[in-house]
N, C-alpha and C. Protein backbone atom coordinates (compact mmCIF):
# COMPACT_ATOMS: atom_id res chain seq x y z
N MET A 1 -15.77 4.31 13.75
CA MET A 1 -15.93 5.91 12.84
C MET A 1 -14.57 6.23 11.98
N VAL A 2 -14.74 6.68 10.43
CA VAL A 2 -13.87 7.10 9.74
C VAL A 2 -13.92 7.99 9.14
N THR A 3 -13.18 8.53 8.70
CA THR A 3 -13.18 10.23 8.09
C THR A 3 -13.08 9.37 6.49
N GLY A 4 -12.83 10.48 5.85
CA GLY A 4 -13.61 10.92 4.11
C GLY A 4 -14.00 10.61 3.55
N THR A 5 -15.58 9.26 4.07
CA THR A 5 -16.28 8.77 3.21
C THR A 5 -17.10 9.13 2.43
N ASP A 6 -16.84 11.16 2.40
CA ASP A 6 -17.90 11.84 1.62
C ASP A 6 -17.42 11.99 0.35
N ALA A 7 -16.40 11.88 0.51
CA ALA A 7 -15.10 12.56 -0.77
C ALA A 7 -15.59 10.72 -1.89
N PRO A 8 -16.03 11.57 -3.38
CA PRO A 8 -15.66 12.73 -3.49
C PRO A 8 -17.07 13.53 -4.00
N PHE A 9 -17.98 13.21 -2.81
CA PHE A 9 -19.06 14.35 -3.65
C PHE A 9 -18.69 15.25 -2.89
N VAL A 10 -17.67 16.02 -1.63
CA VAL A 10 -17.33 16.84 -1.14
C VAL A 10 -15.73 16.93 -1.75
N PRO A 11 -15.00 18.35 -1.31
CA PRO A 11 -13.54 18.59 -1.83
C PRO A 11 -12.82 18.08 -1.14
N TYR A 12 -12.31 17.19 -1.82
CA TYR A 12 -11.28 15.91 -0.69
C TYR A 12 -10.71 17.21 0.80
N ALA A 13 -10.14 17.57 0.44
CA ALA A 13 -9.13 18.36 1.89
C ALA A 13 -9.93 18.66 2.53
N ALA A 14 -11.00 19.88 2.03
CA ALA A 14 -11.71 20.84 2.65
C ALA A 14 -12.84 20.39 3.45
N GLY A 15 -13.94 18.94 2.66
CA GLY A 15 -14.48 18.22 3.46
C GLY A 15 -14.07 17.39 4.49
N LEU A 16 -12.76 17.36 4.41
CA LEU A 16 -11.89 15.64 5.14
C LEU A 16 -12.03 17.18 6.05
N HIS A 17 -10.64 18.27 6.28
CA HIS A 17 -11.16 19.22 7.85
C HIS A 17 -12.30 20.27 8.40
N ALA A 18 -12.92 20.15 7.21
CA ALA A 18 -14.25 20.31 8.04
C ALA A 18 -14.97 18.58 9.21
N GLU A 19 -14.51 18.12 8.38
CA GLU A 19 -15.06 16.54 9.39
C GLU A 19 -14.30 16.34 10.46
N LEU A 20 -13.78 16.97 10.33
CA LEU A 20 -12.34 16.80 11.75
C LEU A 20 -12.77 17.80 12.64
N ARG A 21 -13.04 18.47 12.59
CA ARG A 21 -13.65 20.10 13.05
C ARG A 21 -14.71 19.41 14.20
N LEU A 22 -15.82 18.78 12.39
CA LEU A 22 -16.98 18.28 13.14
C LEU A 22 -16.98 17.89 14.26
N TYR A 23 -16.43 16.47 13.98
CA TYR A 23 -15.40 15.41 15.69
C TYR A 23 -15.87 16.36 16.53
N ALA A 24 -14.53 17.36 16.77
CA ALA A 24 -14.27 17.39 17.71
C ALA A 24 -15.53 18.69 18.67
N ARG A 25 -15.93 19.08 17.45
CA ARG A 25 -17.01 20.00 18.45
C ARG A 25 -18.15 19.07 19.32
N ALA A 26 -18.29 17.00 18.24
CA ALA A 26 -19.25 16.09 18.57
C ALA A 26 -19.09 15.05 20.24
N GLY A 27 -17.29 16.73 20.56
CA GLY A 27 -16.41 15.97 21.27
C GLY A 27 -15.29 14.87 21.57
N LEU A 28 -14.88 14.81 20.69
CA LEU A 28 -14.27 13.38 20.47
C LEU A 28 -13.04 14.24 20.81
N LYS A 29 -11.66 13.65 21.22
CA LYS A 29 -10.46 13.81 21.75
C LYS A 29 -9.71 14.06 19.99
N PRO A 30 -8.95 15.29 19.80
CA PRO A 30 -8.13 15.34 18.78
C PRO A 30 -7.17 13.92 18.47
N ALA A 31 -6.73 13.44 19.50
CA ALA A 31 -5.76 11.79 19.35
C ALA A 31 -7.13 10.84 18.79
N GLN A 32 -7.99 11.07 19.15
CA GLN A 32 -9.31 10.00 18.35
C GLN A 32 -9.34 10.17 17.05
N ILE A 33 -9.31 11.47 17.22
CA ILE A 33 -10.06 12.16 15.10
C ILE A 33 -8.88 11.55 14.30
N LEU A 34 -7.22 12.22 14.59
CA LEU A 34 -6.19 11.66 14.08
C LEU A 34 -6.55 10.47 14.09
N HIS A 35 -6.48 9.46 14.63
CA HIS A 35 -6.46 7.94 14.46
C HIS A 35 -7.62 8.18 13.17
N ALA A 36 -9.05 8.10 13.95
CA ALA A 36 -10.23 7.69 12.69
C ALA A 36 -9.56 8.28 11.82
N ALA A 37 -9.29 9.68 11.42
CA ALA A 37 -8.54 9.58 10.17
C ALA A 37 -7.37 9.60 8.70
N THR A 38 -6.56 8.90 9.93
CA THR A 38 -5.22 7.96 9.35
C THR A 38 -5.56 6.18 9.24
N TRP A 39 -5.23 5.61 10.81
CA TRP A 39 -5.29 4.02 11.19
C TRP A 39 -6.37 3.46 10.42
N LYS A 40 -7.40 4.44 10.96
CA LYS A 40 -9.18 3.49 11.12
C LYS A 40 -9.70 3.40 9.80
N SER A 41 -9.19 5.43 8.81
CA SER A 41 -9.76 5.09 8.07
C SER A 41 -8.85 3.86 6.36
N ALA A 42 -7.44 4.07 6.78
CA ALA A 42 -6.76 2.65 6.30
C ALA A 42 -6.91 1.41 6.91
N THR A 43 -7.37 1.17 7.47
CA THR A 43 -8.15 -0.58 8.17
C THR A 43 -9.46 -0.56 7.06
N ALA A 44 -10.33 0.50 7.12
CA ALA A 44 -11.55 0.25 6.36
C ALA A 44 -11.51 0.24 5.35
N ALA A 45 -10.34 0.54 4.31
CA ALA A 45 -10.46 0.83 2.34
C ALA A 45 -9.06 -0.46 2.22
N ARG A 46 -8.36 -0.99 3.77
CA ARG A 46 -8.24 -2.42 3.24
C ARG A 46 -6.65 -1.60 3.27
N VAL A 47 -5.74 -1.33 3.21
CA VAL A 47 -4.94 -0.91 2.83
C VAL A 47 -3.66 -0.32 4.11
N GLU A 48 -4.35 -0.43 4.67
CA GLU A 48 -3.30 -0.36 6.49
C GLU A 48 -1.94 -1.08 6.36
N HIS A 49 -1.94 -1.86 5.60
CA HIS A 49 -0.24 -1.93 5.22
C HIS A 49 0.93 -1.01 4.15
N ASP A 50 -0.03 -0.42 3.77
CA ASP A 50 0.34 0.98 3.18
C ASP A 50 0.28 1.90 3.40
N LEU A 51 -0.46 2.01 4.55
CA LEU A 51 -0.91 3.46 4.61
C LEU A 51 -1.03 3.63 6.22
N GLY A 52 -1.69 4.77 6.64
CA GLY A 52 -2.82 4.78 8.26
C GLY A 52 -0.94 5.17 8.81
N SER A 53 -0.02 5.06 9.62
CA SER A 53 0.64 4.86 10.05
C SER A 53 2.24 4.84 9.40
N ILE A 54 3.00 5.50 10.02
CA ILE A 54 4.12 5.96 9.58
C ILE A 54 5.48 4.57 10.30
N GLU A 55 5.28 4.14 9.52
CA GLU A 55 6.87 2.91 9.15
C GLU A 55 7.36 2.37 8.07
N ILE A 56 8.06 2.49 8.54
CA ILE A 56 9.48 2.16 7.59
C ILE A 56 8.40 0.56 6.56
N GLY A 57 8.83 0.69 5.54
CA GLY A 57 7.55 -0.48 4.06
C GLY A 57 7.01 0.69 4.40
N LYS A 58 6.30 1.52 4.53
CA LYS A 58 5.16 2.51 4.19
C LYS A 58 5.29 3.19 3.18
N LEU A 59 4.07 3.44 2.42
CA LEU A 59 4.27 4.77 1.19
C LEU A 59 4.06 6.36 2.76
N ALA A 60 5.16 7.14 1.21
CA ALA A 60 5.68 8.31 2.34
C ALA A 60 4.51 9.34 1.93
N ASP A 61 3.56 9.19 2.81
CA ASP A 61 2.35 9.67 2.05
C ASP A 61 1.32 10.82 3.01
N LEU A 62 2.31 11.88 3.00
CA LEU A 62 1.56 12.76 4.51
C LEU A 62 1.90 14.04 4.82
N VAL A 63 1.13 14.90 5.60
CA VAL A 63 1.54 16.65 5.40
C VAL A 63 2.39 16.72 6.57
N VAL A 64 2.64 18.18 6.75
CA VAL A 64 3.40 18.89 7.26
C VAL A 64 2.32 19.54 7.28
N ILE A 65 1.99 19.71 9.16
CA ILE A 65 1.67 20.93 9.18
C ILE A 65 2.01 21.98 10.55
N ASP A 66 1.59 23.49 10.10
CA ASP A 66 2.20 24.45 11.05
C ASP A 66 1.52 24.76 12.29
N GLY A 67 1.47 23.96 13.79
CA GLY A 67 1.10 24.16 15.02
C GLY A 67 0.84 22.06 14.93
N ASP A 68 -0.30 21.71 16.58
CA ASP A 68 -0.07 20.78 17.07
C ASP A 68 -1.30 20.30 16.49
N PRO A 69 -1.90 19.11 15.73
CA PRO A 69 -3.23 18.43 15.84
C PRO A 69 -3.87 18.18 17.01
N LEU A 70 -2.92 17.55 17.67
CA LEU A 70 -3.05 17.12 19.07
C LEU A 70 -3.32 18.02 19.87
N ALA A 71 -2.93 18.90 20.02
CA ALA A 71 -3.86 20.41 21.27
C ALA A 71 -5.32 20.45 20.69
N THR A 72 -5.41 21.03 19.08
CA THR A 72 -6.38 21.89 18.57
C THR A 72 -6.27 21.01 17.36
N ILE A 73 -6.95 20.37 17.19
CA ILE A 73 -6.88 20.26 15.97
C ILE A 73 -7.89 20.42 14.44
N ALA A 74 -8.00 22.09 15.04
CA ALA A 74 -7.85 22.99 13.23
C ALA A 74 -7.08 23.14 13.05
N ASP A 75 -5.26 22.62 13.49
CA ASP A 75 -4.13 23.29 13.53
C ASP A 75 -4.01 22.33 12.25
N ALA A 76 -4.86 21.29 12.17
CA ALA A 76 -4.26 20.08 10.78
C ALA A 76 -4.77 21.22 9.62
N ASP A 77 -5.53 22.47 9.85
CA ASP A 77 -5.66 23.13 8.58
C ASP A 77 -3.98 23.87 7.93
N ASN A 78 -2.98 24.18 8.59
CA ASN A 78 -2.65 24.81 8.23
C ASN A 78 -1.17 23.64 7.99
N VAL A 79 -1.05 23.06 6.18
CA VAL A 79 -0.54 22.42 5.74
C VAL A 79 0.31 22.84 5.44
N VAL A 80 1.53 23.17 5.26
CA VAL A 80 2.38 23.74 4.74
C VAL A 80 4.10 23.10 3.72
N MET A 81 3.16 21.20 3.74
CA MET A 81 3.81 20.40 2.98
C MET A 81 3.54 19.74 2.54
N THR A 82 3.48 18.76 1.51
CA THR A 82 2.47 17.58 0.97
C THR A 82 3.56 16.85 0.75
N VAL A 83 3.23 15.33 1.90
CA VAL A 83 4.68 14.42 1.06
C VAL A 83 4.16 13.34 0.17
N LYS A 84 3.51 13.08 -0.78
CA LYS A 84 2.84 11.79 -1.68
C LYS A 84 4.42 10.56 -2.56
N GLY A 85 4.17 10.18 -2.08
CA GLY A 85 5.54 8.91 -2.65
C GLY A 85 6.62 8.93 -2.84
N GLY A 86 7.28 9.59 -1.84
CA GLY A 86 8.88 9.92 -1.33
C GLY A 86 8.75 11.30 -1.36
N HIS A 87 8.21 12.51 -2.33
CA HIS A 87 8.09 13.51 -2.95
C HIS A 87 7.49 14.41 -1.90
N ALA A 88 8.34 15.31 -1.93
CA ALA A 88 8.40 16.54 -0.78
C ALA A 88 7.28 17.46 -2.06
N TYR A 89 6.44 18.12 -1.66
CA TYR A 89 5.86 18.95 -2.07
C TYR A 89 5.05 20.38 -1.71
N THR A 90 5.91 21.72 -1.48
CA THR A 90 4.83 22.68 -1.10
C THR A 90 3.89 23.54 -1.53
N LEU A 91 3.13 24.17 -1.08
CA LEU A 91 1.93 24.36 -1.43
C LEU A 91 1.80 25.21 -2.14
N GLU A 92 2.84 25.95 -2.40
CA GLU A 92 4.04 26.57 -4.30
C GLU A 92 3.96 25.83 -5.16
N ASP A 93 4.27 25.26 -4.95
CA ASP A 93 4.54 23.55 -6.09
C ASP A 93 3.26 23.13 -6.88
N LEU A 94 1.85 22.63 -5.60
CA LEU A 94 0.84 22.17 -6.09
C LEU A 94 -0.11 23.18 -6.45
N GLY A 95 0.73 24.26 -6.57
CA GLY A 95 -0.25 26.07 -7.18
C GLY A 95 -1.62 26.35 -6.88
N VAL A 96 -0.92 26.29 -4.91
CA VAL A 96 -2.49 26.72 -3.80
C VAL A 96 -2.31 28.05 -3.15
N VAL A 97 -2.84 28.94 -3.33
CA VAL A 97 -2.62 29.29 -2.72
C VAL A 97 -2.69 29.45 -0.51
N PRO A 98 -2.13 29.72 0.10
CA PRO A 98 -2.31 29.35 1.76
C PRO A 98 -3.74 30.19 1.79
N GLY A 99 -4.69 29.84 2.71
CA GLY A 99 -5.46 30.62 2.99
C GLY A 99 -7.14 30.86 2.74
N THR A 100 -6.78 29.98 0.68
CA THR A 100 -7.84 30.41 -0.29
C THR A 100 -9.15 29.44 -0.45
N GLY A 101 -8.60 28.47 0.56
CA GLY A 101 -9.32 26.58 -0.09
C GLY A 101 -8.93 26.59 -1.23
N ALA A 102 -8.33 27.33 -2.06
CA ALA A 102 -7.69 27.05 -4.21
C ALA A 102 -8.22 25.80 -4.55
N GLU A 103 -8.34 25.69 -5.09
CA GLU A 103 -7.73 23.89 -5.79
C GLU A 103 -6.60 24.03 -6.56
N PRO A 104 -5.84 23.77 -6.61
CA PRO A 104 -4.22 23.27 -7.67
C PRO A 104 -4.66 24.15 -8.08
N THR A 105 -3.20 24.92 -9.12
CA THR A 105 -3.35 25.65 -10.20
C THR A 105 -3.32 25.26 -11.49
N SER A 106 -2.13 23.96 -11.64
CA SER A 106 -0.84 23.31 -12.83
C SER A 106 -1.13 22.18 -11.67
N GLU A 107 -0.77 20.24 -12.37
CA GLU A 107 -0.25 19.54 -11.70
C GLU A 107 0.93 19.66 -10.82
N PRO A 108 1.59 18.76 -9.77
CA PRO A 108 2.71 19.57 -9.31
C PRO A 108 4.40 18.39 -9.52
N LYS A 109 4.79 19.25 -9.37
CA LYS A 109 5.82 19.62 -9.21
C LYS A 109 6.86 19.01 -8.02
N PRO A 110 7.49 18.39 -7.55
CA PRO A 110 8.83 17.86 -6.54
C PRO A 110 9.69 18.91 -6.47
N ILE A 111 10.14 19.48 -5.37
CA ILE A 111 10.76 19.36 -4.72
C ILE A 111 12.26 19.03 -5.93
N GLY A 112 13.17 20.62 -5.57
CA GLY A 112 14.09 20.24 -6.65
C GLY A 112 13.93 19.96 -8.67
N GLY A 113 12.63 19.77 -8.78
CA GLY A 113 12.33 19.89 -9.59
C GLY A 113 12.95 18.37 -10.73
N GLU A 114 12.83 17.98 -10.34
CA GLU A 114 12.06 16.05 -10.43
C GLU A 114 11.37 16.17 -10.64
N SER A 115 11.20 14.92 -11.73
CA SER A 115 10.32 14.46 -12.33
C SER A 115 9.65 12.95 -11.57
N ASP A 116 8.24 12.51 -11.11
CA ASP A 116 8.19 11.45 -11.01
C ASP A 116 7.27 10.43 -12.42
N SER A 117 8.63 9.14 -12.47
CA SER A 117 8.55 8.06 -13.34
C SER A 117 6.50 7.31 -13.20
N LYS A 118 6.40 7.71 -12.10
CA LYS A 118 5.73 6.56 -11.43
C LYS A 118 4.33 6.56 -12.65
């Protein structure tokens, strides 16, 4: 079982978070759901050498959340920061108004005003 397979047919973030809650309603434990959303999805996409877990040498792509999704999977909705390619972005940097489900209004800017040359 992996998550995120409905993209791009549903909005990426909102669709994934809804999928996580549906797995919980089906009886999966939060740890099982997070494993499916991280390691199992990376393995299915054959990118487990770069993504799927936090390890030295892997890409620093992750989210910082307010809450404990291992206790309550709905806490995964409480994203306060995204780290992509080693750069941290607040919701404000991404042009997202928390709680609205709004799409970003502009290109993301790394914290500190640095630009990503990649």
